[in-house]
Amino acid sequence: MRSLRPGTWIDVRSADEILATLDERGRLDGLPFMPEMLQFCGKRFRISTSAHKSCDTIKDGTVMRHMQDAVHLEAVRCDGQAHGGCQAGCLLFWKKAWLKPAGAGPRTLGERDEDRSRCTIEALARATRAPSPEGSENDERYACQATELVRATTPIHWWDPRHYVKDLTSGNIGVLRFVRFMAIAAFNNIMRLHWRGRPYPYVRGLAGEKTPADRLDLRSGDMVQVRSKGEIMRTLNSAQKNRGLWFDVEMVPFCGKTFRVLRRVDRLINEKNGAMSQISRDCIVLEGVTCSGCFSDNRLFCPRSVYPYWREIWLKRIDERDAKPELSAQRRTSTAD
C-alpha cells in the first residue's frame, strides 16, 4: 500500500492476516499488536496522521522517536480491557502491514508469511503481561504499545530537520501551521538562552509549595469550562504542579473554552515500568482535548495526541444549555489551536 497520507480511507486486515505478520510475542518490528485492536479488524477507517515520530515518555524526554511504516487512525484508541482496565486511552499505532486500501481483497499468504505465523490470539493475551521484578511476584506488570515504544523506534534529535520535513510531506502539518509554530519554537529557543527569558506561552506557579484543591465530583458527560491561565497559575507550585499533577503548556490553548468530561481516571499503566498506578486524587480527561506538541520543548508536532489530565480546580462546571454554542465551535477549531 503506497499511500498512508492523512485523510486516506483504509481497511484493517483480518485477524488471520495480521497474526501472520507477527512474531511469537505478537510484535512486528518490536511494536505489539494488542488484543484491544482485534475489534477493529475488517473495519474501515480514515488515517488521521502519519506516526513516523513520537515523543519519548519512557527513556529520554530530550529526544523524539522514529517509527517506520506506521499511522494513527481517526479516533481509534485503546480501551485498556486487556491491560487491567487502563484508562489512558492511547491513540493506537498501526503498521502498514496491518492495513490495506479500502475495498481491497485479502492478502495471499506466501511461504514466508506462513513460516512467520507463530502468533495466536492466545499468545496476544499472554503478551500483555510483562515479567515482575525479582522478589515481587505479586506485582503484576503490563506490556503494551506505550511501554514498548522505545523498542519499536529509534531516537531522533529535536534539531534534526528530516522529521520536520516529514511532518510536511506526510500531510500531518499544513504549511501555514508549520510556519507559525516553527516561528514560536525559534522564539522560545532564544528565550531559553537567558534565565529571565519568557517562552510562549508562559506558565509559572504562584501558589507556593502547598497547592489548593477543589471538589466538583465531575462525571462523564458533564459540561465544564477550563479556567483562565491566570486562575490556573494561582493553583500551581514552582514545578507547575498541583498536588503532583503537572500543568503542561500544551494545555494553555484550551483555557477559557468549553468541553464535555470524557471520564474520570482511576487507573493508569506507568509506561516506564509497566506497573498499574491507582489514581486516588481527582484526575479528569476532557472530550477532544489532546496534546498537539506545538509549544513543547523537544516534541514539536508529535502526532501521538495524548490526553492531558486535569485537576477539578482547573475547571468549572457550567450549564449545558449555555455551553452548546461554544462546544460546537470548539469541535471545529480545536485542532487548529
C-alpha atoms as a PDB file:
ATOM      1  CA  MET A   1       0.000   0.000   0.000  1.00  0.00           C
ATOM      2  CA  ARG A   2       1.680   3.165  -1.213  1.00  0.00           C
ATOM      3  CA  SER A   3      -0.374   5.967   0.302  1.00  0.00           C
ATOM      4  CA  LEU A   4      -0.535   6.404   4.061  1.00  0.00           C
ATOM      5  CA  ARG A   5      -1.462  10.076   3.953  1.00  0.00           C
ATOM      6  CA  PRO A   6      -3.925  11.623   6.421  1.00  0.00           C
ATOM      7  CA  GLY A   7      -7.473  11.521   5.108  1.00  0.00           C
ATOM      8  CA  THR A   8      -6.991   8.254   3.195  1.00  0.00           C
ATOM      9  CA  TRP A   9      -9.594   5.571   3.820  1.00  0.00           C
ATOM     10  CA  ILE A  10      -8.181   2.143   4.620  1.00  0.00           C
ATOM     11  CA  ASP A  11      -9.423  -1.237   5.823  1.00  0.00           C
ATOM     12  CA  VAL A  12      -7.849  -3.025   8.763  1.00  0.00           C
ATOM     13  CA  ARG A  13      -6.846  -6.522   7.674  1.00  0.00           C
ATOM     14  CA  SER A  14      -8.425  -9.629   9.154  1.00  0.00           C
ATOM     15  CA  ALA A  15      -7.083 -11.113  12.363  1.00  0.00           C
ATOM     16  CA  ASP A  16      -5.568 -14.064  10.471  1.00  0.00           C
ATOM     17  CA  GLU A  17      -3.737 -11.767   8.061  1.00  0.00           C
ATOM     18  CA  ILE A  18      -2.349  -9.682  10.907  1.00  0.00           C
ATOM     19  CA  LEU A  19      -1.315 -12.677  13.003  1.00  0.00           C
ATOM     20  CA  ALA A  20       0.737 -13.866  10.016  1.00  0.00           C
ATOM     21  CA  THR A  21       2.867 -10.705  10.269  1.00  0.00           C
ATOM     22  CA  LEU A  22       3.690 -11.130  13.984  1.00  0.00           C
ATOM     23  CA  ASP A  23       6.395 -12.967  15.855  1.00  0.00           C
ATOM     24  CA  GLU A  24       5.664 -15.328  18.738  1.00  0.00           C
ATOM     25  CA  ARG A  25       5.376 -12.356  21.106  1.00  0.00           C
ATOM     26  CA  GLY A  26       2.730 -10.678  18.947  1.00  0.00           C
ATOM     27  CA  ARG A  27       5.046  -7.966  17.640  1.00  0.00           C
ATOM     28  CA  LEU A  28       6.118  -6.559  14.301  1.00  0.00           C
ATOM     29  CA  ASP A  29       9.387  -4.607  14.296  1.00  0.00           C
ATOM     30  CA  GLY A  30       9.125  -4.507  18.085  1.00  0.00           C
ATOM     31  CA  LEU A  31       5.626  -2.991  18.103  1.00  0.00           C
ATOM     32  CA  PRO A  32       2.920  -5.080  19.821  1.00  0.00           C
ATOM     33  CA  PHE A  33      -0.381  -5.809  18.147  1.00  0.00           C
ATOM     34  CA  MET A  34      -2.629  -5.811  21.214  1.00  0.00           C
ATOM     35  CA  PRO A  35      -5.865  -7.732  21.927  1.00  0.00           C
ATOM     36  CA  GLU A  36      -7.720  -4.387  22.136  1.00  0.00           C
ATOM     37  CA  MET A  37      -7.017  -3.957  18.409  1.00  0.00           C
ATOM     38  CA  LEU A  38      -8.812  -7.147  17.330  1.00  0.00           C
ATOM     39  CA  GLN A  39     -12.205  -5.421  17.489  1.00  0.00           C
ATOM     40  CA  PHE A  40     -11.138  -3.170  14.609  1.00  0.00           C
ATOM     41  CA  CYS A  41     -10.162  -5.985  12.233  1.00  0.00           C
ATOM     42  CA  GLY A  42     -12.116  -5.929   8.986  1.00  0.00           C
ATOM     43  CA  LYS A  43     -13.400  -2.401   9.591  1.00  0.00           C
ATOM     44  CA  ARG A  44     -12.848   0.776   7.600  1.00  0.00           C
ATOM     45  CA  PHE A  45     -11.246   3.917   9.000  1.00  0.00           C
ATOM     46  CA  ARG A  46      -9.590   7.070   7.836  1.00  0.00           C
ATOM     47  CA  ILE A  47      -5.930   7.778   8.525  1.00  0.00           C
ATOM     48  CA  SER A  48      -5.539  10.730  10.887  1.00  0.00           C
ATOM     49  CA  THR A  49      -1.757  11.173  10.909  1.00  0.00           C
ATOM     50  CA  SER A  50       1.478   9.544   9.934  1.00  0.00           C
ATOM     51  CA  ALA A  51       3.078   8.008  13.038  1.00  0.00           C
ATOM     52  CA  HIS A  52       6.637   8.487  11.783  1.00  0.00           C
ATOM     53  CA  LYS A  53       7.613  10.074  15.103  1.00  0.00           C
ATOM     54  CA  SER A  54       6.544  10.148  18.725  1.00  0.00           C
ATOM     55  CA  CYS A  55       7.548  11.803  21.968  1.00  0.00           C
ATOM     56  CA  ASP A  56       9.597   9.671  24.361  1.00  0.00           C
ATOM     57  CA  THR A  57       7.723   9.316  27.653  1.00  0.00           C
ATOM     58  CA  ILE A  58       9.891   6.428  28.860  1.00  0.00           C
ATOM     59  CA  LYS A  59      13.624   6.890  28.456  1.00  0.00           C
ATOM     60  CA  ASP A  60      14.731  10.353  27.374  1.00  0.00           C
ATOM     61  CA  GLY A  61      12.494  13.405  27.165  1.00  0.00           C
ATOM     62  CA  THR A  62      15.162  15.330  25.259  1.00  0.00           C
ATOM     63  CA  VAL A  63      14.756  13.259  22.073  1.00  0.00           C
ATOM     64  CA  MET A  64      11.918  12.052  19.889  1.00  0.00           C
ATOM     65  CA  ARG A  65      11.458   8.572  18.443  1.00  0.00           C
ATOM     66  CA  HIS A  66      11.184   7.475  14.814  1.00  0.00           C
ATOM     67  CA  MET A  67       8.855   4.637  13.784  1.00  0.00           C
ATOM     68  CA  GLN A  68       8.893   3.067  10.329  1.00  0.00           C
ATOM     69  CA  ASP A  69       5.712   2.466   8.279  1.00  0.00           C
ATOM     70  CA  ALA A  70       3.055   3.324  10.847  1.00  0.00           C
ATOM     71  CA  VAL A  71      -0.011   5.545  11.099  1.00  0.00           C
ATOM     72  CA  HIS A  72      -2.692   6.595  13.535  1.00  0.00           C
ATOM     73  CA  LEU A  73      -6.365   6.128  12.629  1.00  0.00           C
ATOM     74  CA  GLU A  74      -9.078   8.660  13.407  1.00  0.00           C
ATOM     75  CA  ALA A  75     -10.489   8.210  16.929  1.00  0.00           C
ATOM     76  CA  VAL A  76      -9.151   4.638  17.213  1.00  0.00           C
ATOM     77  CA  ARG A  77      -7.863   4.410  20.775  1.00  0.00           C
ATOM     78  CA  CYS A  78      -7.037   1.653  23.225  1.00  0.00           C
ATOM     79  CA  ASP A  79      -9.820   0.825  25.699  1.00  0.00           C
ATOM     80  CA  GLY A  80      -7.415  -0.955  28.070  1.00  0.00           C
ATOM     81  CA  GLN A  81      -9.628  -4.022  28.511  1.00  0.00           C
ATOM     82  CA  ALA A  82      -6.745  -6.473  28.107  1.00  0.00           C
ATOM     83  CA  HIS A  83      -4.457  -4.335  30.262  1.00  0.00           C
ATOM     84  CA  GLY A  84      -6.171  -4.212  33.626  1.00  0.00           C
ATOM     85  CA  GLY A  85      -8.656  -1.531  32.591  1.00  0.00           C
ATOM     86  CA  CYS A  86      -6.012   1.160  31.981  1.00  0.00           C
ATOM     87  CA  GLN A  87      -7.795   4.443  31.240  1.00  0.00           C
ATOM     88  CA  ALA A  88      -5.042   6.295  29.359  1.00  0.00           C
ATOM     89  CA  GLY A  89      -6.938   5.902  26.082  1.00  0.00           C
ATOM     90  CA  CYS A  90      -3.778   5.917  23.958  1.00  0.00           C
ATOM     91  CA  LEU A  91      -4.041   6.514  20.235  1.00  0.00           C
ATOM     92  CA  LEU A  92      -3.083   3.208  18.651  1.00  0.00           C
ATOM     93  CA  PHE A  93      -0.160   2.682  16.270  1.00  0.00           C
ATOM     94  CA  TRP A  94      -0.946   0.722  13.106  1.00  0.00           C
ATOM     95  CA  LYS A  95       1.774  -0.786  10.948  1.00  0.00           C
ATOM     96  CA  LYS A  96       1.400  -0.605   7.170  1.00  0.00           C
ATOM     97  CA  ALA A  97       1.324  -4.428   7.037  1.00  0.00           C
ATOM     98  CA  TRP A  98      -1.861  -4.455   9.145  1.00  0.00           C
ATOM     99  CA  LEU A  99      -3.786  -2.257   6.710  1.00  0.00           C
ATOM    100  CA  LYS A 100      -4.941  -2.362   3.109  1.00  0.00           C
ATOM    101  CA  PRO A 101      -6.569   0.098   0.680  1.00  0.00           C
ATOM    102  CA  ALA A 102     -10.300   0.458   1.223  1.00  0.00           C
ATOM    103  CA  GLY A 103     -12.137  -2.251  -0.697  1.00  0.00           C
ATOM    104  CA  ALA A 104      -9.050  -4.346  -1.478  1.00  0.00           C
ATOM    105  CA  GLY A 105      -9.293  -8.123  -1.195  1.00  0.00           C
ATOM    106  CA  PRO A 106      -7.471 -10.292   1.347  1.00  0.00           C
ATOM    107  CA  ARG A 107      -3.741 -10.706   1.021  1.00  0.00           C
ATOM    108  CA  THR A 108      -2.483 -14.031  -0.252  1.00  0.00           C
ATOM    109  CA  LEU A 109      -0.146 -15.513   2.309  1.00  0.00           C
ATOM    110  CA  GLY A 110       3.164 -16.717   0.916  1.00  0.00           C
ATOM    111  CA  GLU A 111       5.515 -19.295   2.315  1.00  0.00           C
ATOM    112  CA  ARG A 112       7.454 -16.612   4.186  1.00  0.00           C
ATOM    113  CA  ASP A 113       4.273 -15.434   5.908  1.00  0.00           C
ATOM    114  CA  GLU A 114       3.290 -18.973   6.828  1.00  0.00           C
ATOM    115  CA  ASP A 115       6.714 -19.539   8.345  1.00  0.00           C
ATOM    116  CA  ARG A 116       6.405 -16.366  10.404  1.00  0.00           C
ATOM    117  CA  SER A 117       2.863 -17.090  11.536  1.00  0.00           C
ATOM    118  CA  ARG A 118       3.872 -18.149  15.013  1.00  0.00           C
ATOM    119  CA  CYS A 119       1.367 -15.982  16.850  1.00  0.00           C
ATOM    120  CA  THR A 120      -2.147 -16.775  18.026  1.00  0.00           C
ATOM    121  CA  ILE A 121      -4.856 -14.779  19.745  1.00  0.00           C
ATOM    122  CA  GLU A 122      -3.986 -16.626  22.951  1.00  0.00           C
ATOM    123  CA  ALA A 123      -0.375 -15.524  22.535  1.00  0.00           C
ATOM    124  CA  LEU A 124      -1.540 -11.905  22.173  1.00  0.00           C
ATOM    125  CA  ALA A 125      -3.287 -12.197  25.522  1.00  0.00           C
ATOM    126  CA  ARG A 126      -0.180 -13.647  27.188  1.00  0.00           C
ATOM    127  CA  ALA A 127       1.965 -10.876  25.711  1.00  0.00           C
ATOM    128  CA  THR A 128       0.001  -8.218  27.610  1.00  0.00           C
ATOM    129  CA  ARG A 129       1.861  -9.213  30.799  1.00  0.00           C
ATOM    130  CA  ALA A 130       5.498  -8.393  31.473  1.00  0.00           C
ATOM    131  CA  PRO A 131       7.807 -10.156  33.962  1.00  0.00           C
ATOM    132  CA  SER A 132       7.529  -8.843  37.507  1.00  0.00           C
ATOM    133  CA  PRO A 133      10.672  -7.543  39.205  1.00  0.00           C
ATOM    134  CA  GLU A 134      12.651 -10.148  41.093  1.00  0.00           C
ATOM    135  CA  GLY A 135      11.270 -10.675  44.571  1.00  0.00           C
ATOM    136  CA  SER A 136       7.843  -9.166  43.803  1.00  0.00           C
ATOM    137  CA  GLU A 137       5.861 -11.994  42.222  1.00  0.00           C
ATOM    138  CA  ASN A 138       2.551 -10.399  43.195  1.00  0.00           C
ATOM    139  CA  ASP A 139       3.434  -7.118  41.487  1.00  0.00           C
ATOM    140  CA  GLU A 140       1.681  -7.516  38.121  1.00  0.00           C
ATOM    141  CA  ARG A 141       3.316  -5.694  35.205  1.00  0.00           C
ATOM    142  CA  TYR A 142       1.896  -4.960  31.762  1.00  0.00           C
ATOM    143  CA  ALA A 143       3.327  -4.648  28.266  1.00  0.00           C
ATOM    144  CA  CYS A 144       1.618  -2.539  25.607  1.00  0.00           C
ATOM    145  CA  GLN A 145       2.465  -0.241  22.711  1.00  0.00           C
ATOM    146  CA  ALA A 146       3.213   2.584  25.139  1.00  0.00           C
ATOM    147  CA  THR A 147       5.587   0.570  27.351  1.00  0.00           C
ATOM    148  CA  GLU A 148       7.365  -0.942  24.334  1.00  0.00           C
ATOM    149  CA  LEU A 149       7.674   2.263  22.317  1.00  0.00           C
ATOM    150  CA  VAL A 150      11.431   2.603  22.782  1.00  0.00           C
ATOM    151  CA  ARG A 151      11.980  -0.946  21.464  1.00  0.00           C
ATOM    152  CA  ALA A 152       9.812  -0.249  18.404  1.00  0.00           C
ATOM    153  CA  THR A 153      11.530   3.021  17.476  1.00  0.00           C
ATOM    154  CA  THR A 154      14.895   4.698  17.031  1.00  0.00           C
ATOM    155  CA  PRO A 155      15.943   8.043  18.555  1.00  0.00           C
ATOM    156  CA  ILE A 156      15.909  11.311  16.608  1.00  0.00           C
ATOM    157  CA  HIS A 157      17.078  14.662  17.947  1.00  0.00           C
ATOM    158  CA  TRP A 158      14.755  17.666  18.059  1.00  0.00           C
ATOM    159  CA  TRP A 159      17.176  19.659  15.908  1.00  0.00           C
ATOM    160  CA  ASP A 160      17.301  17.073  13.084  1.00  0.00           C
ATOM    161  CA  PRO A 161      15.438  18.758  10.171  1.00  0.00           C
ATOM    162  CA  ARG A 162      14.436  15.499   8.487  1.00  0.00           C
ATOM    163  CA  HIS A 163      11.499  14.688  10.744  1.00  0.00           C
ATOM    164  CA  TYR A 164      10.124  18.224  10.332  1.00  0.00           C
ATOM    165  CA  VAL A 165      10.300  17.797   6.564  1.00  0.00           C
ATOM    166  CA  LYS A 166       8.402  14.513   7.026  1.00  0.00           C
ATOM    167  CA  ASP A 167       5.753  16.384   9.047  1.00  0.00           C
ATOM    168  CA  LEU A 168       5.094  18.471   5.942  1.00  0.00           C
ATOM    169  CA  THR A 169       5.484  15.867   3.208  1.00  0.00           C
ATOM    170  CA  SER A 170       3.364  13.288   5.057  1.00  0.00           C
ATOM    171  CA  GLY A 171       0.455  15.721   5.295  1.00  0.00           C
ATOM    172  CA  ASN A 172       0.479  15.829   9.100  1.00  0.00           C
ATOM    173  CA  ILE A 173       1.022  19.597   9.151  1.00  0.00           C
ATOM    174  CA  GLY A 174      -0.122  22.287   6.728  1.00  0.00           C
ATOM    175  CA  VAL A 175       2.293  24.953   5.546  1.00  0.00           C
ATOM    176  CA  LEU A 176       0.758  27.874   7.469  1.00  0.00           C
ATOM    177  CA  ARG A 177       0.556  25.876  10.692  1.00  0.00           C
ATOM    178  CA  PHE A 178       4.120  24.682  10.178  1.00  0.00           C
ATOM    179  CA  VAL A 179       5.463  28.214   9.705  1.00  0.00           C
ATOM    180  CA  ARG A 180       3.520  29.561  12.697  1.00  0.00           C
ATOM    181  CA  PHE A 181       4.746  27.021  15.217  1.00  0.00           C
ATOM    182  CA  MET A 182       8.280  26.836  13.873  1.00  0.00           C
ATOM    183  CA  ALA A 183       8.473  30.601  14.439  1.00  0.00           C
ATOM    184  CA  ILE A 184       7.197  30.152  18.009  1.00  0.00           C
ATOM    185  CA  ALA A 185       9.742  27.361  18.581  1.00  0.00           C
ATOM    186  CA  ALA A 186      12.568  29.589  17.342  1.00  0.00           C
ATOM    187  CA  PHE A 187      11.412  32.398  19.647  1.00  0.00           C
ATOM    188  CA  ASN A 188      11.227  30.004  22.606  1.00  0.00           C
ATOM    189  CA  ASN A 189      14.728  28.681  21.965  1.00  0.00           C
ATOM    190  CA  ILE A 190      16.040  32.250  22.097  1.00  0.00           C
ATOM    191  CA  MET A 191      14.102  32.937  25.308  1.00  0.00           C
ATOM    192  CA  ARG A 192      15.582  29.853  26.976  1.00  0.00           C
ATOM    193  CA  LEU A 193      19.093  31.165  26.463  1.00  0.00           C
ATOM    194  CA  HIS A 194      18.579  33.693  29.260  1.00  0.00           C
ATOM    195  CA  TRP A 195      17.303  32.909  32.737  1.00  0.00           C
ATOM    196  CA  ARG A 196      14.854  35.817  32.578  1.00  0.00           C
ATOM    197  CA  GLY A 197      13.501  34.837  29.163  1.00  0.00           C
ATOM    198  CA  ARG A 198       9.787  34.015  28.914  1.00  0.00           C
ATOM    199  CA  PRO A 199       8.905  31.315  26.380  1.00  0.00           C
ATOM    200  CA  TYR A 200       5.454  31.404  24.788  1.00  0.00           C
ATOM    201  CA  PRO A 201       3.060  30.504  26.263  1.00  0.00           C
ATOM    202  CA  TYR A 202       4.483  31.466  29.636  1.00  0.00           C
ATOM    203  CA  VAL A 203       3.310  29.495  32.670  1.00  0.00           C
ATOM    204  CA  ARG A 204       4.620  29.683  36.233  1.00  0.00           C
ATOM    205  CA  GLY A 205       3.287  28.579  39.570  1.00  0.00           C
ATOM    206  CA  LEU A 206       2.066  31.245  42.003  1.00  0.00           C
ATOM    207  CA  ALA A 207       0.554  29.164  44.792  1.00  0.00           C
ATOM    208  CA  GLY A 208       3.641  28.311  46.816  1.00  0.00           C
ATOM    209  CA  GLU A 209       4.529  24.757  47.718  1.00  0.00           C
ATOM    210  CA  LYS A 210       1.139  23.818  49.208  1.00  0.00           C
ATOM    211  CA  THR A 211      -1.360  23.835  46.348  1.00  0.00           C
ATOM    212  CA  PRO A 212      -5.141  24.190  46.736  1.00  0.00           C
ATOM    213  CA  ALA A 213      -7.858  21.723  45.728  1.00  0.00           C
ATOM    214  CA  ASP A 214     -11.496  21.904  44.723  1.00  0.00           C
ATOM    215  CA  ARG A 215     -14.139  19.198  44.562  1.00  0.00           C
ATOM    216  CA  LEU A 216     -16.652  19.223  41.727  1.00  0.00           C
ATOM    217  CA  ASP A 217     -17.463  15.472  41.626  1.00  0.00           C
ATOM    218  CA  LEU A 218     -17.392  15.597  37.839  1.00  0.00           C
ATOM    219  CA  ARG A 219     -18.699  12.631  35.861  1.00  0.00           C
ATOM    220  CA  SER A 220     -18.697  11.602  32.208  1.00  0.00           C
ATOM    221  CA  GLY A 221     -20.925  13.891  30.161  1.00  0.00           C
ATOM    222  CA  ASP A 222     -20.717  16.916  32.481  1.00  0.00           C
ATOM    223  CA  MET A 223     -20.016  20.245  30.805  1.00  0.00           C
ATOM    224  CA  VAL A 224     -17.092  22.287  32.078  1.00  0.00           C
ATOM    225  CA  GLN A 225     -15.192  25.410  31.195  1.00  0.00           C
ATOM    226  CA  VAL A 226     -11.417  25.435  31.594  1.00  0.00           C
ATOM    227  CA  ARG A 227     -10.371  28.290  33.866  1.00  0.00           C
ATOM    228  CA  SER A 228      -8.157  31.083  32.589  1.00  0.00           C
ATOM    229  CA  LYS A 229      -4.389  30.681  32.583  1.00  0.00           C
ATOM    230  CA  GLY A 230      -4.095  33.276  35.346  1.00  0.00           C
ATOM    231  CA  GLU A 231      -6.528  31.379  37.574  1.00  0.00           C
ATOM    232  CA  ILE A 232      -4.715  28.093  36.972  1.00  0.00           C
ATOM    233  CA  MET A 233      -1.275  29.562  37.683  1.00  0.00           C
ATOM    234  CA  ARG A 234      -2.533  30.534  41.141  1.00  0.00           C
ATOM    235  CA  THR A 235      -3.101  26.817  41.833  1.00  0.00           C
ATOM    236  CA  LEU A 236       0.406  25.663  40.812  1.00  0.00           C
ATOM    237  CA  ASN A 237       3.665  25.356  42.724  1.00  0.00           C
ATOM    238  CA  SER A 238       7.117  26.276  41.408  1.00  0.00           C
ATOM    239  CA  ALA A 239       7.262  22.997  39.442  1.00  0.00           C
ATOM    240  CA  GLN A 240       3.988  23.852  37.641  1.00  0.00           C
ATOM    241  CA  LYS A 241       2.162  21.131  39.567  1.00  0.00           C
ATOM    242  CA  ASN A 242      -0.998  20.914  41.622  1.00  0.00           C
ATOM    243  CA  ARG A 243      -0.808  18.074  44.160  1.00  0.00           C
ATOM    244  CA  GLY A 244       1.667  16.250  41.945  1.00  0.00           C
ATOM    245  CA  LEU A 245      -0.132  16.734  38.603  1.00  0.00           C
ATOM    246  CA  TRP A 246       1.716  18.843  36.046  1.00  0.00           C
ATOM    247  CA  PHE A 247       0.016  21.609  34.075  1.00  0.00           C
ATOM    248  CA  ASP A 248       1.624  21.386  30.633  1.00  0.00           C
ATOM    249  CA  VAL A 249       1.992  24.359  28.283  1.00  0.00           C
ATOM    250  CA  GLU A 250       0.083  22.256  25.729  1.00  0.00           C
ATOM    251  CA  MET A 251      -2.993  22.767  27.912  1.00  0.00           C
ATOM    252  CA  VAL A 252      -2.886  26.569  27.669  1.00  0.00           C
ATOM    253  CA  PRO A 253      -4.763  26.841  24.309  1.00  0.00           C
ATOM    254  CA  PHE A 254      -7.803  25.223  25.956  1.00  0.00           C
ATOM    255  CA  CYS A 255      -8.078  27.827  28.734  1.00  0.00           C
ATOM    256  CA  GLY A 256     -11.425  29.611  28.730  1.00  0.00           C
ATOM    257  CA  LYS A 257     -13.023  27.052  26.404  1.00  0.00           C
ATOM    258  CA  THR A 258     -15.877  24.660  26.986  1.00  0.00           C
ATOM    259  CA  PHE A 259     -15.756  20.872  26.840  1.00  0.00           C
ATOM    260  CA  ARG A 260     -17.561  17.744  27.921  1.00  0.00           C
ATOM    261  CA  VAL A 261     -15.961  15.484  30.529  1.00  0.00           C
ATOM    262  CA  LEU A 262     -14.931  12.237  28.881  1.00  0.00           C
ATOM    263  CA  ARG A 263     -14.179  10.348  32.096  1.00  0.00           C
ATOM    264  CA  ARG A 264     -12.538  10.328  35.481  1.00  0.00           C
ATOM    265  CA  VAL A 265      -9.216   8.479  35.521  1.00  0.00           C
ATOM    266  CA  ASP A 266      -8.583   5.973  38.293  1.00  0.00           C
ATOM    267  CA  ARG A 267      -6.116   3.527  36.729  1.00  0.00           C
ATOM    268  CA  LEU A 268      -3.086   4.149  34.505  1.00  0.00           C
ATOM    269  CA  ILE A 269      -0.194   1.969  33.389  1.00  0.00           C
ATOM    270  CA  ASN A 270       3.154   3.518  34.207  1.00  0.00           C
ATOM    271  CA  GLU A 271       4.855   3.491  30.799  1.00  0.00           C
ATOM    272  CA  LYS A 272       8.326   3.332  32.358  1.00  0.00           C
ATOM    273  CA  ASN A 273       7.882   0.087  34.293  1.00  0.00           C
ATOM    274  CA  GLY A 274       4.518  -1.398  33.266  1.00  0.00           C
ATOM    275  CA  ALA A 275       3.048  -1.192  36.775  1.00  0.00           C
ATOM    276  CA  MET A 276      -0.594  -0.204  37.246  1.00  0.00           C
ATOM    277  CA  SER A 277      -0.941   3.087  39.114  1.00  0.00           C
ATOM    278  CA  GLN A 278      -4.070   3.717  41.161  1.00  0.00           C
ATOM    279  CA  ILE A 279      -5.108   7.384  40.972  1.00  0.00           C
ATOM    280  CA  SER A 280      -6.577   8.451  44.318  1.00  0.00           C
ATOM    281  CA  ARG A 281      -6.978  12.177  43.604  1.00  0.00           C
ATOM    282  CA  ASP A 282      -9.179  13.925  41.078  1.00  0.00           C
ATOM    283  CA  CYS A 283      -7.940  13.333  37.539  1.00  0.00           C
ATOM    284  CA  ILE A 284     -10.128  14.292  34.577  1.00  0.00           C
ATOM    285  CA  VAL A 285      -9.960  13.723  30.809  1.00  0.00           C
ATOM    286  CA  LEU A 286     -11.889  16.061  28.522  1.00  0.00           C
ATOM    287  CA  GLU A 287     -13.520  15.056  25.260  1.00  0.00           C
ATOM    288  CA  GLY A 288     -11.485  16.065  22.212  1.00  0.00           C
ATOM    289  CA  VAL A 289      -8.710  17.690  24.247  1.00  0.00           C
ATOM    290  CA  THR A 290      -5.324  16.229  23.320  1.00  0.00           C
ATOM    291  CA  CYS A 291      -1.702  17.340  23.260  1.00  0.00           C
ATOM    292  CA  SER A 292      -0.610  18.799  19.903  1.00  0.00           C
ATOM    293  CA  GLY A 293       3.082  19.105  20.708  1.00  0.00           C
ATOM    294  CA  CYS A 294       3.093  22.591  19.203  1.00  0.00           C
ATOM    295  CA  PHE A 295       4.513  24.516  22.169  1.00  0.00           C
ATOM    296  CA  SER A 296       6.647  21.897  23.886  1.00  0.00           C
ATOM    297  CA  ASP A 297      10.392  21.697  24.114  1.00  0.00           C
ATOM    298  CA  ASN A 298      11.730  18.627  22.247  1.00  0.00           C
ATOM    299  CA  ARG A 299       8.359  17.280  20.988  1.00  0.00           C
ATOM    300  CA  LEU A 300       7.280  19.700  18.286  1.00  0.00           C
ATOM    301  CA  PHE A 301       4.458  18.326  16.084  1.00  0.00           C
ATOM    302  CA  CYS A 302       4.264  14.992  17.902  1.00  0.00           C
ATOM    303  CA  PRO A 303       1.179  13.264  16.392  1.00  0.00           C
ATOM    304  CA  ARG A 304       0.542  10.970  19.356  1.00  0.00           C
ATOM    305  CA  SER A 305      -2.405  13.076  20.649  1.00  0.00           C
ATOM    306  CA  VAL A 306      -2.057  12.082  24.301  1.00  0.00           C
ATOM    307  CA  TYR A 307      -4.882  13.117  26.644  1.00  0.00           C
ATOM    308  CA  PRO A 308      -3.709  15.685  29.210  1.00  0.00           C
ATOM    309  CA  TYR A 309      -5.027  15.207  32.754  1.00  0.00           C
ATOM    310  CA  TRP A 310      -6.925  17.957  34.556  1.00  0.00           C
ATOM    311  CA  ARG A 311      -7.471  18.747  38.210  1.00  0.00           C
ATOM    312  CA  GLU A 312     -11.019  19.766  39.080  1.00  0.00           C
ATOM    313  CA  ILE A 313      -9.724  23.079  40.434  1.00  0.00           C
ATOM    314  CA  TRP A 314      -8.654  23.939  36.857  1.00  0.00           C
ATOM    315  CA  LEU A 315     -12.258  23.533  35.673  1.00  0.00           C
ATOM    316  CA  LYS A 316     -15.643  24.973  36.494  1.00  0.00           C
ATOM    317  CA  ARG A 317     -18.967  23.290  35.959  1.00  0.00           C
ATOM    318  CA  ILE A 318     -21.384  25.067  33.613  1.00  0.00           C
ATOM    319  CA  ASP A 319     -24.968  24.586  32.495  1.00  0.00           C
ATOM    320  CA  GLU A 320     -25.160  22.557  29.293  1.00  0.00           C
ATOM    321  CA  ARG A 321     -27.703  24.946  27.765  1.00  0.00           C
ATOM    322  CA  ASP A 322     -25.137  27.732  27.970  1.00  0.00           C
ATOM    323  CA  ALA A 323     -22.315  25.530  26.696  1.00  0.00           C
ATOM    324  CA  LYS A 324     -23.726  24.175  23.429  1.00  0.00           C
ATOM    325  CA  PRO A 325     -22.839  27.078  21.091  1.00  0.00           C
ATOM    326  CA  GLU A 326     -19.252  27.276  22.357  1.00  0.00           C
ATOM    327  CA  LEU A 327     -18.843  23.481  22.310  1.00  0.00           C
ATOM    328  CA  SER A 328     -19.920  23.331  18.689  1.00  0.00           C
ATOM    329  CA  ALA A 329     -17.404  25.993  17.726  1.00  0.00           C
ATOM    330  CA  GLN A 330     -14.646  24.267  19.677  1.00  0.00           C
ATOM    331  CA  ARG A 331     -15.132  20.990  17.835  1.00  0.00           C
ATOM    332  CA  ARG A 332     -14.463  22.824  14.583  1.00  0.00           C
ATOM    333  CA  THR A 333     -11.361  24.658  15.780  1.00  0.00           C
ATOM    334  CA  SER A 334      -9.651  22.551  18.467  1.00  0.00           C
ATOM    335  CA  THR A 335      -7.138  21.032  16.059  1.00  0.00           C
ATOM    336  CA  ALA A 336      -6.096  24.467  14.839  1.00  0.00           C
ATOM    337  CA  ASP A 337      -5.153  25.939  18.217  1.00  0.00           C
END
